[in-house]
Amino acid sequence: METENPRREAVVGTAGCVTAFAGALAGIVLWAPYGKDGLLDGFEGAANWDVVWYGLPLMVLGGITTALTVFTAVRGRWLRALGLAGAVAGLAAIGYAVDALAGPPRPECYDPC
């Protein structure tokens, strides 16, 4: 199958890859405070590894999917953008279900008086 404009397809493909990479970086940046709280400030010195095993992949995939949703919507591919938006909603539902971004439990402080 011959393409009509291979240079344009290459530019669009490269822009899509750069968009996905930027989304992955955004997901990591948004995950970092939760990761720090889960690994460094664990209750009684215990780390919460669920933050890494569940939270990091969900945030990276969510960032990539969100960026590609915006990219496809800007290009006018509404049906694909709607499908990707559904995938973002699914990832968010999974994240809430497994409580992936919950930091370590905070000890409750009461007034001693």
Protein backbone atom coordinates (compact mmCIF):
# COMPACT_ATOMS: atom_id res chain seq x y z
CA MET A 1 0.00 0.00 0.00
CA GLU A 2 1.52 3.26 -1.13
CA THR A 3 1.06 6.28 1.06
CA GLU A 4 0.17 9.61 -0.44
CA ASN A 5 2.45 11.68 1.76
CA PRO A 6 5.00 9.60 3.69
CA ARG A 7 6.70 12.68 5.14
CA ARG A 8 3.48 13.89 6.72
CA GLU A 9 2.80 10.44 8.16
CA ALA A 10 6.30 10.37 9.61
CA VAL A 11 5.82 13.79 11.23
CA VAL A 12 2.43 12.79 12.66
CA GLY A 13 3.86 9.51 13.97
CA THR A 14 6.79 11.28 15.57
CA ALA A 15 4.46 13.85 17.15
CA GLY A 16 2.35 11.00 18.54
CA CYS A 17 5.41 9.33 20.07
CA VAL A 18 6.59 12.61 21.59
CA THR A 19 3.09 13.18 22.97
CA ALA A 20 3.03 9.70 24.53
CA PHE A 21 6.47 10.26 26.06
CA ALA A 22 5.37 13.60 27.50
CA GLY A 23 2.27 11.91 28.94
CA ALA A 24 4.43 9.22 30.56
CA LEU A 25 6.66 11.89 32.11
CA ALA A 26 3.60 13.78 33.36
CA GLY A 27 2.29 10.57 34.94
CA ILE A 28 5.62 10.00 36.71
CA VAL A 29 5.73 13.61 37.93
CA LEU A 30 2.18 13.36 39.27
CA TRP A 31 2.96 10.01 40.93
CA ALA A 32 6.19 11.22 42.62
CA PRO A 33 4.59 12.74 45.76
CA TYR A 34 2.63 9.54 46.38
CA GLY A 35 5.69 7.41 45.76
CA LYS A 36 7.77 9.47 48.15
CA ASP A 37 5.11 9.24 50.84
CA GLY A 38 4.68 5.51 50.34
CA LEU A 39 8.35 4.58 50.30
CA LEU A 40 10.07 7.06 52.57
CA ASP A 41 7.45 7.94 55.16
CA GLY A 42 6.04 4.50 55.81
CA PHE A 43 4.33 3.77 59.12
CA GLU A 44 6.97 2.64 61.64
CA GLY A 45 9.60 2.43 58.93
CA ALA A 46 7.64 0.01 56.73
CA ALA A 47 7.44 0.94 53.06
CA ASN A 48 4.16 0.68 51.17
CA TRP A 49 5.22 -1.12 47.98
CA ASP A 50 1.69 -1.09 46.57
CA VAL A 51 2.36 2.52 45.66
CA VAL A 52 5.11 1.31 43.31
CA TRP A 53 3.55 -1.90 42.05
CA TYR A 54 0.11 -0.44 41.33
CA GLY A 55 0.35 3.34 41.43
CA LEU A 56 3.33 3.92 39.14
CA PRO A 57 2.15 1.76 36.20
CA LEU A 58 -1.38 3.16 36.45
CA MET A 59 -0.13 6.75 36.49
CA VAL A 60 2.25 6.16 33.56
CA LEU A 61 -0.44 4.41 31.50
CA GLY A 62 -2.95 7.07 32.47
CA GLY A 63 -0.59 9.84 31.42
CA ILE A 64 0.13 8.20 28.09
CA THR A 65 -3.53 7.50 27.41
CA THR A 66 -4.61 11.01 28.39
CA ALA A 67 -1.97 12.61 26.17
CA LEU A 68 -2.94 10.41 23.23
CA THR A 69 -6.61 11.22 23.83
CA VAL A 70 -5.86 14.92 23.49
CA PHE A 71 -3.63 14.24 20.47
CA THR A 72 -6.33 12.29 18.62
CA ALA A 73 -9.00 14.85 19.52
CA VAL A 74 -6.84 17.67 18.14
CA ARG A 75 -6.38 15.68 14.93
CA GLY A 76 -10.17 15.34 14.65
CA ARG A 77 -10.39 11.58 15.21
CA TRP A 78 -13.34 11.79 17.60
CA LEU A 79 -14.24 8.12 17.72
CA ARG A 80 -10.71 7.11 18.71
CA ALA A 81 -10.55 9.96 21.21
CA LEU A 82 -13.81 8.76 22.76
CA GLY A 83 -12.43 5.23 23.04
CA LEU A 84 -9.23 6.51 24.64
CA ALA A 85 -11.27 8.63 27.06
CA GLY A 86 -13.09 5.44 28.06
CA ALA A 87 -9.71 3.80 28.65
CA VAL A 88 -8.67 6.72 30.88
CA ALA A 89 -11.89 6.32 32.86
CA GLY A 90 -11.21 2.59 33.18
CA LEU A 91 -7.68 3.20 34.44
CA ALA A 92 -9.01 5.72 36.95
CA ALA A 93 -11.62 3.22 38.15
CA ILE A 94 -8.95 0.54 38.59
CA GLY A 95 -6.77 3.01 40.48
CA TYR A 96 -9.59 3.90 42.85
CA ALA A 97 -10.57 0.26 43.26
CA VAL A 98 -7.10 -0.89 44.33
CA ASP A 99 -6.43 2.37 46.19
CA ALA A 100 -3.20 2.68 44.21
CA LEU A 101 -2.35 6.23 45.24
CA ALA A 102 -3.09 5.91 48.91
CA GLY A 103 -0.08 6.94 50.89
CA PRO A 104 0.91 5.36 54.15
CA PRO A 105 -1.61 5.56 56.97
CA ARG A 106 -1.18 8.75 58.94
CA PRO A 107 -1.18 8.35 62.71
CA GLU A 108 -3.99 10.29 64.29
CA CYS A 109 -2.90 12.86 66.80
CA TYR A 110 -5.18 13.65 69.69
CA ASP A 111 -5.05 16.54 72.10
CA PRO A 112 -3.43 15.24 75.31
CA CYS A 113 -5.49 17.54 77.51
